């Protein structure tokens, strides 16, 4: 399987769908889970709460305006 995957994906350039400079989507685990596993929140290297990503693209139209139906 590994060889087949390597053969099929040879020469393919992978790119992340998350824009550069942004964190992947995260959720804060329940306090009980963090306590039971000895973890802390947020993990090292994570800004919390995550800053929102706001698109600056202009959306296209949805077509021509329709006449009102009476």
PDB file of N, CA and C in Angstrom:
ATOM      1  N   UNK A   1       0.813  -1.190   0.000  1.00  0.00           N
ATOM      2  CA  UNK A   1       0.000   0.000   0.000  1.00  0.00           C
ATOM      3  C   UNK A   1       0.857   1.255   0.000  1.00  0.00           C
ATOM      4  N   UNK A   2       1.889   1.247   0.838  1.00  0.00           N
ATOM      5  CA  UNK A   2       2.752   2.423   0.909  1.00  0.00           C
ATOM      6  C   UNK A   2       3.410   2.699  -0.435  1.00  0.00           C
ATOM      7  N   UNK A   3       3.870   1.633  -1.112  1.00  0.00           N
ATOM      8  CA  UNK A   3       4.515   1.808  -2.407  1.00  0.00           C
ATOM      9  C   UNK A   3       3.515   2.321  -3.442  1.00  0.00           C
ATOM     10  N   UNK A   4       2.295   1.791  -3.414  1.00  0.00           N
ATOM     11  CA  UNK A   4       1.274   2.242  -4.358  1.00  0.00           C
ATOM     12  C   UNK A   4       0.957   3.720  -4.132  1.00  0.00           C
ATOM     13  N   UNK A   5       0.818   4.103  -2.871  1.00  0.00           N
ATOM     14  CA  UNK A   5       0.559   5.507  -2.561  1.00  0.00           C
ATOM     15  C   UNK A   5       1.709   6.385  -3.059  1.00  0.00           C
ATOM     16  N   UNK A   6       2.935   5.936  -2.808  1.00  0.00           N
ATOM     17  CA  UNK A   6       4.110   6.686  -3.261  1.00  0.00           C
ATOM     18  C   UNK A   6       4.110   6.825  -4.783  1.00  0.00           C
ATOM     19  N   UNK A   7       3.798   5.731  -5.491  1.00  0.00           N
ATOM     20  CA  UNK A   7       3.768   5.763  -6.956  1.00  0.00           C
ATOM     21  C   UNK A   7       2.679   6.700  -7.481  1.00  0.00           C
ATOM     22  N   UNK A   8       1.506   6.640  -6.868  1.00  0.00           N
ATOM     23  CA  UNK A   8       0.381   7.449  -7.353  1.00  0.00           C
ATOM     24  C   UNK A   8       0.540   8.939  -7.040  1.00  0.00           C
ATOM     25  N   UNK A   9       1.250   9.246  -5.980  1.00  0.00           N
ATOM     26  CA  UNK A   9       1.363  10.657  -5.575  1.00  0.00           C
ATOM     27  C   UNK A   9       2.700  11.280  -5.936  1.00  0.00           C
ATOM     28  N   UNK A  10       3.535  10.554  -6.640  1.00  0.00           N
ATOM     29  CA  UNK A  10       4.837  11.076  -7.039  1.00  0.00           C
ATOM     30  C   UNK A  10       4.654  12.307  -7.928  1.00  0.00           C
ATOM     31  N   UNK A  11       5.340  13.363  -7.583  1.00  0.00           N
ATOM     32  CA  UNK A  11       5.278  14.589  -8.376  1.00  0.00           C
ATOM     33  C   UNK A  11       4.127  15.515  -8.020  1.00  0.00           C
ATOM     34  N   UNK A  12       3.289  15.128  -7.062  1.00  0.00           N
ATOM     35  CA  UNK A  12       2.176  15.984  -6.660  1.00  0.00           C
ATOM     36  C   UNK A  12       2.648  16.932  -5.573  1.00  0.00           C
ATOM     37  N   UNK A  13       2.350  18.212  -5.737  1.00  0.00           N
ATOM     38  CA  UNK A  13       2.697  19.214  -4.728  1.00  0.00           C
ATOM     39  C   UNK A  13       1.490  19.417  -3.813  1.00  0.00           C
ATOM     40  N   UNK A  14       1.683  19.195  -2.529  1.00  0.00           N
ATOM     41  CA  UNK A  14       0.607  19.346  -1.560  1.00  0.00           C
ATOM     42  C   UNK A  14       0.625  20.758  -1.006  1.00  0.00           C
ATOM     43  N   UNK A  15      -0.550  21.334  -0.815  1.00  0.00           N
ATOM     44  CA  UNK A  15      -0.660  22.670  -0.235  1.00  0.00           C
ATOM     45  C   UNK A  15      -1.766  22.664   0.810  1.00  0.00           C
ATOM     46  N   UNK A  16      -1.543  23.379   1.885  1.00  0.00           N
ATOM     47  CA  UNK A  16      -2.529  23.462   2.949  1.00  0.00           C
ATOM     48  C   UNK A  16      -3.676  24.368   2.534  1.00  0.00           C
ATOM     49  N   UNK A  17      -4.887  24.014   2.965  1.00  0.00           N
ATOM     50  CA  UNK A  17      -6.045  24.869   2.691  1.00  0.00           C
ATOM     51  C   UNK A  17      -6.170  25.967   3.741  1.00  0.00           C
ATOM     52  N   UNK A  18      -5.354  25.896   4.784  1.00  0.00           N
ATOM     53  CA  UNK A  18      -5.347  26.936   5.813  1.00  0.00           C
ATOM     54  C   UNK A  18      -4.365  28.006   5.364  1.00  0.00           C
ATOM     55  N   UNK A  19      -4.810  29.268   5.246  1.00  0.00           N
ATOM     56  CA  UNK A  19      -3.909  30.328   4.781  1.00  0.00           C
ATOM     57  C   UNK A  19      -2.683  30.454   5.676  1.00  0.00           C
ATOM     58  N   UNK A  20      -1.548  30.836   5.090  1.00  0.00           N
ATOM     59  CA  UNK A  20      -0.322  31.028   5.855  1.00  0.00           C
ATOM     60  C   UNK A  20      -0.555  32.022   6.980  1.00  0.00           C
ATOM     61  N   UNK A  21       0.051  31.762   8.111  1.00  0.00           N
ATOM     62  CA  UNK A  21      -0.067  32.658   9.250  1.00  0.00           C
ATOM     63  C   UNK A  21      -1.300  32.411  10.102  1.00  0.00           C
ATOM     64  N   UNK A  22      -2.125  31.421   9.762  1.00  0.00           N
ATOM     65  CA  UNK A  22      -3.321  31.115  10.539  1.00  0.00           C
ATOM     66  C   UNK A  22      -3.181  29.758  11.208  1.00  0.00           C
ATOM     67  N   UNK A  23      -3.843  29.621  12.338  1.00  0.00           N
ATOM     68  CA  UNK A  23      -3.826  28.366  13.080  1.00  0.00           C
ATOM     69  C   UNK A  23      -4.904  27.432  12.548  1.00  0.00           C
ATOM     70  N   UNK A  24      -4.684  26.139  12.682  1.00  0.00           N
ATOM     71  CA  UNK A  24      -5.749  25.220  12.315  1.00  0.00           C
ATOM     72  C   UNK A  24      -6.911  25.359  13.290  1.00  0.00           C
ATOM     73  N   UNK A  25      -8.095  24.937  12.878  1.00  0.00           N
ATOM     74  CA  UNK A  25      -9.242  25.033  13.788  1.00  0.00           C
ATOM     75  C   UNK A  25      -9.008  24.191  15.045  1.00  0.00           C
ATOM     76  N   UNK A  26      -9.346  24.739  16.191  1.00  0.00           N
ATOM     77  CA  UNK A  26      -9.151  24.054  17.467  1.00  0.00           C
ATOM     78  C   UNK A  26     -10.396  24.189  18.311  1.00  0.00           C
ATOM     79  N   UNK A  27     -10.544  23.304  19.261  1.00  0.00           N
ATOM     80  CA  UNK A  27     -11.596  23.453  20.260  1.00  0.00           C
ATOM     81  C   UNK A  27     -10.952  23.233  21.619  1.00  0.00           C
ATOM     82  N   UNK A  28     -11.496  23.884  22.626  1.00  0.00           N
ATOM     83  CA  UNK A  28     -10.962  23.732  23.966  1.00  0.00           C
ATOM     84  C   UNK A  28     -11.576  22.496  24.608  1.00  0.00           C
ATOM     85  N   UNK A  29     -10.735  21.526  25.000  1.00  0.00           N
ATOM     86  CA  UNK A  29     -11.281  20.327  25.625  1.00  0.00           C
ATOM     87  C   UNK A  29     -11.879  20.645  26.995  1.00  0.00           C
ATOM     88  N   UNK A  30     -12.772  19.796  27.474  1.00  0.00           N
ATOM     89  CA  UNK A  30     -13.355  20.006  28.800  1.00  0.00           C
ATOM     90  C   UNK A  30     -12.278  20.012  29.890  1.00  0.00           C
ATOM     91  N   UNK A  31     -12.522  20.768  30.941  1.00  0.00           N
ATOM     92  CA  UNK A  31     -11.580  20.880  32.051  1.00  0.00           C
ATOM     93  C   UNK A  31     -11.255  19.514  32.646  1.00  0.00           C
ATOM     94  N   UNK A  32     -12.268  18.651  32.753  1.00  0.00           N
ATOM     95  CA  UNK A  32     -12.049  17.323  33.319  1.00  0.00           C
ATOM     96  C   UNK A  32     -11.032  16.517  32.494  1.00  0.00           C
ATOM     97  N   UNK A  33     -11.124  16.642  31.176  1.00  0.00           N
ATOM     98  CA  UNK A  33     -10.191  15.940  30.293  1.00  0.00           C
ATOM     99  C   UNK A  33      -8.772  16.452  30.497  1.00  0.00           C
ATOM    100  N   UNK A  34      -8.625  17.772  30.534  1.00  0.00           N
ATOM    101  CA  UNK A  34      -7.293  18.360  30.722  1.00  0.00           C
ATOM    102  C   UNK A  34      -6.697  17.912  32.053  1.00  0.00           C
ATOM    103  N   UNK A  35      -7.513  17.912  33.082  1.00  0.00           N
ATOM    104  CA  UNK A  35      -7.048  17.513  34.411  1.00  0.00           C
ATOM    105  C   UNK A  35      -6.651  16.030  34.418  1.00  0.00           C
ATOM    106  N   UNK A  36      -7.478  15.177  33.822  1.00  0.00           N
ATOM    107  CA  UNK A  36      -7.219  13.739  33.808  1.00  0.00           C
ATOM    108  C   UNK A  36      -5.974  13.374  33.000  1.00  0.00           C
ATOM    109  N   UNK A  37      -5.669  14.159  31.973  1.00  0.00           N
ATOM    110  CA  UNK A  37      -4.523  13.853  31.111  1.00  0.00           C
ATOM    111  C   UNK A  37      -3.286  14.676  31.460  1.00  0.00           C
ATOM    112  N   UNK A  38      -3.419  15.589  32.444  1.00  0.00           N
ATOM    113  CA  UNK A  38      -2.273  16.397  32.857  1.00  0.00           C
ATOM    114  C   UNK A  38      -1.867  17.445  31.839  1.00  0.00           C
ATOM    115  N   UNK A  39      -2.801  17.822  30.985  1.00  0.00           N
ATOM    116  CA  UNK A  39      -2.501  18.827  29.964  1.00  0.00           C
ATOM    117  C   UNK A  39      -2.942  20.203  30.430  1.00  0.00           C
ATOM    118  N   UNK A  40      -2.448  21.226  29.735  1.00  0.00           N
ATOM    119  CA  UNK A  40      -2.887  22.593  30.016  1.00  0.00           C
ATOM    120  C   UNK A  40      -3.419  23.200  28.724  1.00  0.00           C
ATOM    121  N   UNK A  41      -4.177  24.271  28.884  1.00  0.00           N
ATOM    122  CA  UNK A  41      -4.759  24.941  27.716  1.00  0.00           C
ATOM    123  C   UNK A  41      -4.468  26.405  27.794  1.00  0.00           C
ATOM    124  N   UNK A  42      -4.102  27.059  26.716  1.00  0.00           N
ATOM    125  CA  UNK A  42      -3.885  26.519  25.369  1.00  0.00           C
ATOM    126  C   UNK A  42      -2.530  25.836  25.268  1.00  0.00           C
ATOM    127  N   UNK A  43      -2.376  24.935  24.281  1.00  0.00           N
ATOM    128  CA  UNK A  43      -1.076  24.282  24.095  1.00  0.00           C
ATOM    129  C   UNK A  43      -0.021  25.298  23.667  1.00  0.00           C
ATOM    130  N   UNK A  44       1.220  24.926  23.854  1.00  0.00           N
ATOM    131  CA  UNK A  44       2.335  25.796  23.476  1.00  0.00           C
ATOM    132  C   UNK A  44       2.248  26.164  21.996  1.00  0.00           C
ATOM    133  N   UNK A  45       2.429  27.441  21.689  1.00  0.00           N
ATOM    134  CA  UNK A  45       2.418  27.897  20.300  1.00  0.00           C
ATOM    135  C   UNK A  45       1.045  28.228  19.741  1.00  0.00           C
ATOM    136  N   UNK A  46       0.002  28.174  20.592  1.00  0.00           N
ATOM    137  CA  UNK A  46      -1.360  28.444  20.138  1.00  0.00           C
ATOM    138  C   UNK A  46      -1.876  29.732  20.775  1.00  0.00           C
ATOM    139  N   UNK A  47      -2.447  30.597  19.964  1.00  0.00           N
ATOM    140  CA  UNK A  47      -3.090  31.808  20.456  1.00  0.00           C
ATOM    141  C   UNK A  47      -4.535  31.457  20.757  1.00  0.00           C
ATOM    142  N   UNK A  48      -5.000  31.785  21.980  1.00  0.00           N
ATOM    143  CA  UNK A  48      -6.373  31.465  22.352  1.00  0.00           C
ATOM    144  C   UNK A  48      -7.009  32.651  23.002  1.00  0.00           C
ATOM    145  N   UNK A  49      -8.200  33.064  22.601  1.00  0.00           N
ATOM    146  CA  UNK A  49      -9.008  32.460  21.546  1.00  0.00           C
ATOM    147  C   UNK A  49      -8.401  32.727  20.168  1.00  0.00           C
ATOM    148  N   UNK A  50      -8.733  31.872  19.233  1.00  0.00           N
ATOM    149  CA  UNK A  50      -8.202  31.968  17.881  1.00  0.00           C
ATOM    150  C   UNK A  50      -8.754  33.221  17.212  1.00  0.00           C
ATOM    151  N   UNK A  51      -7.873  34.047  16.614  1.00  0.00           N
ATOM    152  CA  UNK A  51      -8.368  35.231  15.915  1.00  0.00           C
ATOM    153  C   UNK A  51      -9.223  34.824  14.711  1.00  0.00           C
ATOM    154  N   UNK A  52     -10.316  35.549  14.461  1.00  0.00           N
ATOM    155  CA  UNK A  52     -11.179  35.180  13.330  1.00  0.00           C
ATOM    156  C   UNK A  52     -10.491  35.441  11.992  1.00  0.00           C
ATOM    157  N   UNK A  53     -10.830  34.629  11.011  1.00  0.00           N
ATOM    158  CA  UNK A  53     -10.335  34.828   9.645  1.00  0.00           C
ATOM    159  C   UNK A  53     -11.445  35.535   8.884  1.00  0.00           C
ATOM    160  N   UNK A  54     -11.134  36.704   8.361  1.00  0.00           N
ATOM    161  CA  UNK A  54     -12.123  37.482   7.622  1.00  0.00           C
ATOM    162  C   UNK A  54     -11.681  37.549   6.168  1.00  0.00           C
ATOM    163  N   UNK A  55     -12.559  37.142   5.286  1.00  0.00           N
ATOM    164  CA  UNK A  55     -12.243  37.156   3.865  1.00  0.00           C
ATOM    165  C   UNK A  55     -12.255  38.582   3.331  1.00  0.00           C
ATOM    166  N   UNK A  56     -11.338  38.862   2.433  1.00  0.00           N
ATOM    167  CA  UNK A  56     -11.310  40.175   1.783  1.00  0.00           C
ATOM    168  C   UNK A  56     -11.706  40.066   0.320  1.00  0.00           C
ATOM    169  N   UNK A  57     -12.160  38.869  -0.081  1.00  0.00           N
ATOM    170  CA  UNK A  57     -12.572  38.671  -1.468  1.00  0.00           C
ATOM    171  C   UNK A  57     -13.955  39.263  -1.701  1.00  0.00           C
ATOM    172  N   UNK A  58     -14.140  39.815  -2.882  1.00  0.00           N
ATOM    173  CA  UNK A  58     -15.450  40.331  -3.237  1.00  0.00           C
ATOM    174  C   UNK A  58     -16.249  39.200  -3.869  1.00  0.00           C
ATOM    175  N   UNK A  59     -17.437  38.985  -3.363  1.00  0.00           N
ATOM    176  CA  UNK A  59     -18.268  37.920  -3.906  1.00  0.00           C
ATOM    177  C   UNK A  59     -18.895  38.342  -5.220  1.00  0.00           C
ATOM    178  N   UNK A  60     -19.126  37.392  -6.082  1.00  0.00           N
ATOM    179  CA  UNK A  60     -19.781  37.668  -7.354  1.00  0.00           C
ATOM    180  C   UNK A  60     -21.280  37.805  -7.169  1.00  0.00           C
ATOM    181  N   UNK A  61     -21.982  37.969  -8.246  1.00  0.00           N
ATOM    182  CA  UNK A  61     -23.432  38.104  -8.162  1.00  0.00           C
ATOM    183  C   UNK A  61     -24.076  36.738  -8.228  1.00  0.00           C
ATOM    184  N   UNK A  62     -25.335  36.686  -7.891  1.00  0.00           N
ATOM    185  CA  UNK A  62     -26.071  35.430  -7.982  1.00  0.00           C
ATOM    186  C   UNK A  62     -26.963  35.408  -9.217  1.00  0.00           C
ATOM    187  N   UNK A  63     -26.695  36.300 -10.123  1.00  0.00           N
ATOM    188  CA  UNK A  63     -27.499  36.346 -11.361  1.00  0.00           C
ATOM    189  C   UNK A  63     -28.282  37.645 -11.447  1.00  0.00           C
ATOM    190  N   UNK A  64     -29.050  37.774 -12.492  1.00  0.00           N
ATOM    191  CA  UNK A  64     -29.821  39.002 -12.689  1.00  0.00           C
ATOM    192  C   UNK A  64     -31.013  39.037 -11.722  1.00  0.00           C
ATOM    193  N   UNK A  65     -31.460  40.258 -11.425  1.00  0.00           N
ATOM    194  CA  UNK A  65     -32.591  40.419 -10.518  1.00  0.00           C
ATOM    195  C   UNK A  65     -33.862  39.898 -11.183  1.00  0.00           C
ATOM    196  N   UNK A  66     -34.692  39.239 -10.404  1.00  0.00           N
ATOM    197  CA  UNK A  66     -35.964  38.723 -10.912  1.00  0.00           C
ATOM    198  C   UNK A  66     -37.073  39.715 -10.619  1.00  0.00           C
ATOM    199  N   UNK A  67     -38.021  39.806 -11.509  1.00  0.00           N
ATOM    200  CA  UNK A  67     -39.168  40.682 -11.298  1.00  0.00           C
ATOM    201  C   UNK A  67     -40.010  40.121 -10.177  1.00  0.00           C
ATOM    202  N   UNK A  68     -40.586  40.985  -9.320  1.00  0.00           N
ATOM    203  CA  UNK A  68     -41.409  40.478  -8.237  1.00  0.00           C
ATOM    204  C   UNK A  68     -42.636  39.750  -8.768  1.00  0.00           C
ATOM    205  N   UNK A  69     -43.044  38.720  -8.074  1.00  0.00           N
ATOM    206  CA  UNK A  69     -44.221  37.951  -8.445  1.00  0.00           C
ATOM    207  C   UNK A  69     -45.406  38.541  -7.703  1.00  0.00           C
ATOM    208  N   UNK A  70     -46.482  38.883  -8.435  1.00  0.00           N
ATOM    209  CA  UNK A  70     -47.665  39.464  -7.780  1.00  0.00           C
ATOM    210  C   UNK A  70     -48.824  38.506  -7.807  1.00  0.00           C
TER     211      UNK A  70
END
